[in-house]
Amino acid sequence: MPSTPPRNGPKGEWTTLTRVRVLTLLDMGIAQAETSCQTGVPSPMVDLCSKTHWHCSRCNHTCSGHPPGNL
């Protein structure tokens, strides 16, 4: 089993590259469990990422912090 990627961001957060990879795999339809295996990010964090990022149709990009329609 691969080791968990280092948390090099402020306050021990995942690096942007790791978060982008997780979100890209989820957007491609890869299951959360498989995403966790491929990235080394624990399943609860992958689940959290999937719940906190939405595609923003108004801005036409992926946003965090607000659900669709609450801009």
PDB file of N, CA and C in Angstrom:
ATOM      1  N   MET A   1       0.851  -1.174   0.000  1.00  0.00           N
ATOM      2  CA  MET A   1       0.000   0.000   0.000  1.00  0.00           C
ATOM      3  C   MET A   1       0.895   1.236   0.000  1.00  0.00           C
ATOM      4  N   PRO A   2       0.632   2.206  -0.911  1.00  0.00           N
ATOM      5  CA  PRO A   2       1.476   3.392  -0.967  1.00  0.00           C
ATOM      6  C   PRO A   2       1.297   4.238   0.286  1.00  0.00           C
ATOM      7  N   SER A   3       2.351   4.964   0.612  1.00  0.00           N
ATOM      8  CA  SER A   3       2.252   5.832   1.783  1.00  0.00           C
ATOM      9  C   SER A   3       1.392   7.043   1.449  1.00  0.00           C
ATOM     10  N   THR A   4       0.841   7.651   2.473  1.00  0.00           N
ATOM     11  CA  THR A   4       0.017   8.842   2.304  1.00  0.00           C
ATOM     12  C   THR A   4       0.898   9.984   1.824  1.00  0.00           C
ATOM     13  N   PRO A   5       0.433  10.773   0.827  1.00  0.00           N
ATOM     14  CA  PRO A   5       1.253  11.887   0.352  1.00  0.00           C
ATOM     15  C   PRO A   5       1.467  12.908   1.467  1.00  0.00           C
ATOM     16  N   PRO A   6       2.611  13.591   1.452  1.00  0.00           N
ATOM     17  CA  PRO A   6       2.881  14.561   2.512  1.00  0.00           C
ATOM     18  C   PRO A   6       1.925  15.745   2.454  1.00  0.00           C
ATOM     19  N   ARG A   7       1.657  16.291   3.609  1.00  0.00           N
ATOM     20  CA  ARG A   7       0.815  17.485   3.701  1.00  0.00           C
ATOM     21  C   ARG A   7       1.743  18.681   3.838  1.00  0.00           C
ATOM     22  N   ASN A   8       2.099  19.275   2.725  1.00  0.00           N
ATOM     23  CA  ASN A   8       3.074  20.355   2.719  1.00  0.00           C
ATOM     24  C   ASN A   8       2.448  21.737   2.721  1.00  0.00           C
ATOM     25  N   GLY A   9       1.156  21.814   2.618  1.00  0.00           N
ATOM     26  CA  GLY A   9       0.500  23.109   2.592  1.00  0.00           C
ATOM     27  C   GLY A   9       0.407  23.722   3.976  1.00  0.00           C
ATOM     28  N   PRO A  10      -0.095  24.970   4.047  1.00  0.00           N
ATOM     29  CA  PRO A  10      -0.269  25.606   5.350  1.00  0.00           C
ATOM     30  C   PRO A  10      -1.221  24.803   6.221  1.00  0.00           C
ATOM     31  N   LYS A  11      -0.943  24.752   7.497  1.00  0.00           N
ATOM     32  CA  LYS A  11      -1.774  24.033   8.467  1.00  0.00           C
ATOM     33  C   LYS A  11      -1.877  22.548   8.134  1.00  0.00           C
ATOM     34  N   GLY A  12      -0.888  21.991   7.458  1.00  0.00           N
ATOM     35  CA  GLY A  12      -0.888  20.568   7.147  1.00  0.00           C
ATOM     36  C   GLY A  12      -1.879  20.160   6.082  1.00  0.00           C
ATOM     37  N   GLU A  13      -2.269  21.082   5.205  1.00  0.00           N
ATOM     38  CA  GLU A  13      -3.226  20.772   4.139  1.00  0.00           C
ATOM     39  C   GLU A  13      -2.509  20.052   3.005  1.00  0.00           C
ATOM     40  N   TRP A  14      -3.286  19.346   2.181  1.00  0.00           N
ATOM     41  CA  TRP A  14      -2.726  18.683   1.010  1.00  0.00           C
ATOM     42  C   TRP A  14      -2.262  19.740   0.027  1.00  0.00           C
ATOM     43  N   THR A  15      -1.246  19.418  -0.744  1.00  0.00           N
ATOM     44  CA  THR A  15      -0.768  20.346  -1.759  1.00  0.00           C
ATOM     45  C   THR A  15      -1.831  20.503  -2.843  1.00  0.00           C
ATOM     46  N   THR A  16      -1.741  21.579  -3.575  1.00  0.00           N
ATOM     47  CA  THR A  16      -2.696  21.833  -4.655  1.00  0.00           C
ATOM     48  C   THR A  16      -2.665  20.707  -5.679  1.00  0.00           C
ATOM     49  N   LEU A  17      -1.478  20.211  -6.001  1.00  0.00           N
ATOM     50  CA  LEU A  17      -1.359  19.140  -6.984  1.00  0.00           C
ATOM     51  C   LEU A  17      -2.114  17.893  -6.537  1.00  0.00           C
ATOM     52  N   THR A  18      -2.017  17.548  -5.264  1.00  0.00           N
ATOM     53  CA  THR A  18      -2.726  16.370  -4.753  1.00  0.00           C
ATOM     54  C   THR A  18      -4.228  16.585  -4.823  1.00  0.00           C
ATOM     55  N   ARG A  19      -4.701  17.765  -4.409  1.00  0.00           N
ATOM     56  CA  ARG A  19      -6.136  18.046  -4.455  1.00  0.00           C
ATOM     57  C   ARG A  19      -6.652  18.045  -5.881  1.00  0.00           C
ATOM     58  N   VAL A  20      -5.899  18.616  -6.807  1.00  0.00           N
ATOM     59  CA  VAL A  20      -6.307  18.640  -8.212  1.00  0.00           C
ATOM     60  C   VAL A  20      -6.392  17.225  -8.758  1.00  0.00           C
ATOM     61  N   ARG A  21      -5.432  16.391  -8.400  1.00  0.00           N
ATOM     62  CA  ARG A  21      -5.447  15.004  -8.880  1.00  0.00           C
ATOM     63  C   ARG A  21      -6.678  14.269  -8.361  1.00  0.00           C
ATOM     64  N   VAL A  22      -6.987  14.442  -7.074  1.00  0.00           N
ATOM     65  CA  VAL A  22      -8.174  13.806  -6.488  1.00  0.00           C
ATOM     66  C   VAL A  22      -9.420  14.278  -7.217  1.00  0.00           C
ATOM     67  N   LEU A  23      -9.576  15.585  -7.390  1.00  0.00           N
ATOM     68  CA  LEU A  23     -10.775  16.122  -8.035  1.00  0.00           C
ATOM     69  C   LEU A  23     -10.869  15.699  -9.494  1.00  0.00           C
ATOM     70  N   THR A  24      -9.734  15.621 -10.181  1.00  0.00           N
ATOM     71  CA  THR A  24      -9.736  15.191 -11.578  1.00  0.00           C
ATOM     72  C   THR A  24     -10.226  13.753 -11.698  1.00  0.00           C
ATOM     73  N   LEU A  25      -9.711  12.884 -10.836  1.00  0.00           N
ATOM     74  CA  LEU A  25     -10.149  11.490 -10.872  1.00  0.00           C
ATOM     75  C   LEU A  25     -11.638  11.377 -10.570  1.00  0.00           C
ATOM     76  N   LEU A  26     -12.123  12.135  -9.590  1.00  0.00           N
ATOM     77  CA  LEU A  26     -13.551  12.100  -9.253  1.00  0.00           C
ATOM     78  C   LEU A  26     -14.387  12.615 -10.421  1.00  0.00           C
ATOM     79  N   ASP A  27     -13.926  13.697 -11.069  1.00  0.00           N
ATOM     80  CA  ASP A  27     -14.647  14.241 -12.227  1.00  0.00           C
ATOM     81  C   ASP A  27     -14.683  13.264 -13.392  1.00  0.00           C
ATOM     82  N   MET A  28     -13.664  12.406 -13.489  1.00  0.00           N
ATOM     83  CA  MET A  28     -13.616  11.399 -14.553  1.00  0.00           C
ATOM     84  C   MET A  28     -14.534  10.220 -14.250  1.00  0.00           C
ATOM     85  N   GLY A  29     -15.150  10.228 -13.058  1.00  0.00           N
ATOM     86  CA  GLY A  29     -16.064   9.152 -12.702  1.00  0.00           C
ATOM     87  C   GLY A  29     -15.399   7.997 -11.969  1.00  0.00           C
ATOM     88  N   ILE A  30     -14.144   8.180 -11.575  1.00  0.00           N
ATOM     89  CA  ILE A  30     -13.442   7.142 -10.820  1.00  0.00           C
ATOM     90  C   ILE A  30     -14.045   7.085  -9.418  1.00  0.00           C
ATOM     91  N   ALA A  31     -14.289   5.888  -8.921  1.00  0.00           N
ATOM     92  CA  ALA A  31     -14.878   5.716  -7.591  1.00  0.00           C
ATOM     93  C   ALA A  31     -13.960   6.308  -6.520  1.00  0.00           C
ATOM     94  N   GLN A  32     -14.574   6.733  -5.411  1.00  0.00           N
ATOM     95  CA  GLN A  32     -13.806   7.326  -4.323  1.00  0.00           C
ATOM     96  C   GLN A  32     -12.767   6.358  -3.773  1.00  0.00           C
ATOM     97  N   ALA A  33     -13.110   5.082  -3.647  1.00  0.00           N
ATOM     98  CA  ALA A  33     -12.162   4.089  -3.129  1.00  0.00           C
ATOM     99  C   ALA A  33     -10.961   3.944  -4.066  1.00  0.00           C
ATOM    100  N   GLU A  34     -11.215   3.910  -5.364  1.00  0.00           N
ATOM    101  CA  GLU A  34     -10.132   3.794  -6.341  1.00  0.00           C
ATOM    102  C   GLU A  34      -9.282   5.063  -6.353  1.00  0.00           C
ATOM    103  N   THR A  35      -9.929   6.224  -6.218  1.00  0.00           N
ATOM    104  CA  THR A  35      -9.202   7.491  -6.144  1.00  0.00           C
ATOM    105  C   THR A  35      -8.275   7.495  -4.945  1.00  0.00           C
ATOM    106  N   SER A  36      -8.764   6.995  -3.829  1.00  0.00           N
ATOM    107  CA  SER A  36      -7.944   6.908  -2.624  1.00  0.00           C
ATOM    108  C   SER A  36      -6.731   6.010  -2.863  1.00  0.00           C
ATOM    109  N   CYS A  37      -6.939   4.874  -3.510  1.00  0.00           N
ATOM    110  CA  CYS A  37      -5.838   3.947  -3.795  1.00  0.00           C
ATOM    111  C   CYS A  37      -4.808   4.567  -4.743  1.00  0.00           C
ATOM    112  N   GLN A  38      -5.276   5.258  -5.769  1.00  0.00           N
ATOM    113  CA  GLN A  38      -4.370   5.825  -6.767  1.00  0.00           C
ATOM    114  C   GLN A  38      -3.573   7.007  -6.236  1.00  0.00           C
ATOM    115  N   THR A  39      -4.152   7.791  -5.331  1.00  0.00           N
ATOM    116  CA  THR A  39      -3.494   9.005  -4.850  1.00  0.00           C
ATOM    117  C   THR A  39      -2.821   8.838  -3.494  1.00  0.00           C
ATOM    118  N   GLY A  40      -3.229   7.824  -2.729  1.00  0.00           N
ATOM    119  CA  GLY A  40      -2.702   7.660  -1.386  1.00  0.00           C
ATOM    120  C   GLY A  40      -3.382   8.545  -0.359  1.00  0.00           C
ATOM    121  N   VAL A  41      -4.400   9.274  -0.778  1.00  0.00           N
ATOM    122  CA  VAL A  41      -5.159  10.137   0.125  1.00  0.00           C
ATOM    123  C   VAL A  41      -6.204   9.267   0.824  1.00  0.00           C
ATOM    124  N   PRO A  42      -6.325   9.355   2.150  1.00  0.00           N
ATOM    125  CA  PRO A  42      -7.296   8.533   2.867  1.00  0.00           C
ATOM    126  C   PRO A  42      -8.726   8.729   2.345  1.00  0.00           C
ATOM    127  N   SER A  43      -9.504   7.664   2.373  1.00  0.00           N
ATOM    128  CA  SER A  43     -10.883   7.699   1.866  1.00  0.00           C
ATOM    129  C   SER A  43     -11.736   8.811   2.471  1.00  0.00           C
ATOM    130  N   PRO A  44     -11.667   9.068   3.794  1.00  0.00           N
ATOM    131  CA  PRO A  44     -12.487  10.157   4.345  1.00  0.00           C
ATOM    132  C   PRO A  44     -12.152  11.519   3.732  1.00  0.00           C
ATOM    133  N   MET A  45     -10.865  11.743   3.389  1.00  0.00           N
ATOM    134  CA  MET A  45     -10.485  13.019   2.775  1.00  0.00           C
ATOM    135  C   MET A  45     -10.999  13.096   1.340  1.00  0.00           C
ATOM    136  N   VAL A  46     -10.958  11.973   0.618  1.00  0.00           N
ATOM    137  CA  VAL A  46     -11.497  11.943  -0.749  1.00  0.00           C
ATOM    138  C   VAL A  46     -12.995  12.237  -0.703  1.00  0.00           C
ATOM    139  N   ASP A  47     -13.690  11.647   0.257  1.00  0.00           N
ATOM    140  CA  ASP A  47     -15.122  11.885   0.429  1.00  0.00           C
ATOM    141  C   ASP A  47     -15.381  13.360   0.715  1.00  0.00           C
ATOM    142  N   LEU A  48     -14.576  13.959   1.580  1.00  0.00           N
ATOM    143  CA  LEU A  48     -14.732  15.375   1.909  1.00  0.00           C
ATOM    144  C   LEU A  48     -14.504  16.243   0.678  1.00  0.00           C
ATOM    145  N   CYS A  49     -13.484  15.928  -0.106  1.00  0.00           N
ATOM    146  CA  CYS A  49     -13.214  16.679  -1.334  1.00  0.00           C
ATOM    147  C   CYS A  49     -14.405  16.619  -2.282  1.00  0.00           C
ATOM    148  N   SER A  50     -15.007  15.443  -2.398  1.00  0.00           N
ATOM    149  CA  SER A  50     -16.130  15.290  -3.333  1.00  0.00           C
ATOM    150  C   SER A  50     -17.343  16.080  -2.872  1.00  0.00           C
ATOM    151  N   LYS A  51     -17.475  16.298  -1.575  1.00  0.00           N
ATOM    152  CA  LYS A  51     -18.634  17.015  -1.039  1.00  0.00           C
ATOM    153  C   LYS A  51     -18.434  18.519  -0.987  1.00  0.00           C
ATOM    154  N   THR A  52     -17.189  18.995  -1.057  1.00  0.00           N
ATOM    155  CA  THR A  52     -16.932  20.423  -0.899  1.00  0.00           C
ATOM    156  C   THR A  52     -16.567  21.131  -2.192  1.00  0.00           C
ATOM    157  N   HIS A  53     -16.581  20.435  -3.319  1.00  0.00           N
ATOM    158  CA  HIS A  53     -16.264  21.051  -4.610  1.00  0.00           C
ATOM    159  C   HIS A  53     -17.395  20.774  -5.586  1.00  0.00           C
ATOM    160  N   TRP A  54     -17.868  21.828  -6.220  1.00  0.00           N
ATOM    161  CA  TRP A  54     -18.951  21.713  -7.198  1.00  0.00           C
ATOM    162  C   TRP A  54     -18.531  22.420  -8.468  1.00  0.00           C
ATOM    163  N   HIS A  55     -19.134  22.033  -9.574  1.00  0.00           N
ATOM    164  CA  HIS A  55     -18.916  22.766 -10.811  1.00  0.00           C
ATOM    165  C   HIS A  55     -19.816  23.987 -10.792  1.00  0.00           C
ATOM    166  N   CYS A  56     -19.214  25.134 -10.976  1.00  0.00           N
ATOM    167  CA  CYS A  56     -19.937  26.399 -10.895  1.00  0.00           C
ATOM    168  C   CYS A  56     -20.317  26.832 -12.311  1.00  0.00           C
ATOM    169  N   SER A  57     -21.593  26.723 -12.658  1.00  0.00           N
ATOM    170  CA  SER A  57     -22.017  27.044 -14.018  1.00  0.00           C
ATOM    171  C   SER A  57     -21.913  28.538 -14.297  1.00  0.00           C
ATOM    172  N   ARG A  58     -22.077  29.349 -13.279  1.00  0.00           N
ATOM    173  CA  ARG A  58     -21.988  30.799 -13.483  1.00  0.00           C
ATOM    174  C   ARG A  58     -20.560  31.205 -13.839  1.00  0.00           C
ATOM    175  N   CYS A  59     -19.583  30.639 -13.125  1.00  0.00           N
ATOM    176  CA  CYS A  59     -18.175  30.983 -13.351  1.00  0.00           C
ATOM    177  C   CYS A  59     -17.523  30.049 -14.361  1.00  0.00           C
ATOM    178  N   ASN A  60     -18.193  28.940 -14.661  1.00  0.00           N
ATOM    179  CA  ASN A  60     -17.695  27.903 -15.557  1.00  0.00           C
ATOM    180  C   ASN A  60     -16.367  27.316 -15.086  1.00  0.00           C
ATOM    181  N   HIS A  61     -16.270  27.071 -13.795  1.00  0.00           N
ATOM    182  CA  HIS A  61     -15.116  26.371 -13.235  1.00  0.00           C
ATOM    183  C   HIS A  61     -15.528  25.705 -11.931  1.00  0.00           C
ATOM    184  N   THR A  62     -14.630  24.932 -11.358  1.00  0.00           N
ATOM    185  CA  THR A  62     -14.925  24.251 -10.105  1.00  0.00           C
ATOM    186  C   THR A  62     -14.655  25.192  -8.948  1.00  0.00           C
ATOM    187  N   CYS A  63     -15.655  25.376  -8.103  1.00  0.00           N
ATOM    188  CA  CYS A  63     -15.536  26.259  -6.947  1.00  0.00           C
ATOM    189  C   CYS A  63     -15.614  25.434  -5.675  1.00  0.00           C
ATOM    190  N   SER A  64     -15.117  26.001  -4.608  1.00  0.00           N
ATOM    191  CA  SER A  64     -15.307  25.376  -3.305  1.00  0.00           C
ATOM    192  C   SER A  64     -15.955  26.399  -2.395  1.00  0.00           C
ATOM    193  N   GLY A  65     -16.658  25.932  -1.403  1.00  0.00           N
ATOM    194  CA  GLY A  65     -17.221  26.829  -0.424  1.00  0.00           C
ATOM    195  C   GLY A  65     -18.662  27.208  -0.635  1.00  0.00           C
ATOM    196  N   HIS A  66     -19.226  26.922  -1.780  1.00  0.00           N
ATOM    197  CA  HIS A  66     -20.643  27.196  -1.974  1.00  0.00           C
ATOM    198  C   HIS A  66     -21.252  26.173  -2.919  1.00  0.00           C
ATOM    199  N   PRO A  67     -22.451  25.729  -2.608  1.00  0.00           N
ATOM    200  CA  PRO A  67     -23.120  24.787  -3.509  1.00  0.00           C
ATOM    201  C   PRO A  67     -23.635  25.498  -4.754  1.00  0.00           C
ATOM    202  N   PRO A  68     -23.972  24.764  -5.783  1.00  0.00           N
ATOM    203  CA  PRO A  68     -24.496  25.375  -7.000  1.00  0.00           C
ATOM    204  C   PRO A  68     -25.712  26.242  -6.703  1.00  0.00           C
ATOM    205  N   GLY A  69     -25.752  27.415  -7.334  1.00  0.00           N
ATOM    206  CA  GLY A  69     -26.912  28.296  -7.193  1.00  0.00           C
ATOM    207  C   GLY A  69     -26.857  29.232  -5.998  1.00  0.00           C
ATOM    208  N   ASN A  70     -25.867  29.103  -5.138  1.00  0.00           N
ATOM    209  CA  ASN A  70     -25.761  29.973  -3.969  1.00  0.00           C
ATOM    210  C   ASN A  70     -24.608  30.949  -4.109  1.00  0.00           C
ATOM    211  N   LEU A  71     -24.530  31.626  -5.237  1.00  0.00           N
ATOM    212  CA  LEU A  71     -23.420  32.547  -5.470  1.00  0.00           C
ATOM    213  C   LEU A  71     -23.721  33.902  -4.924  1.00  0.00           C
TER     214      LEU A  71
END
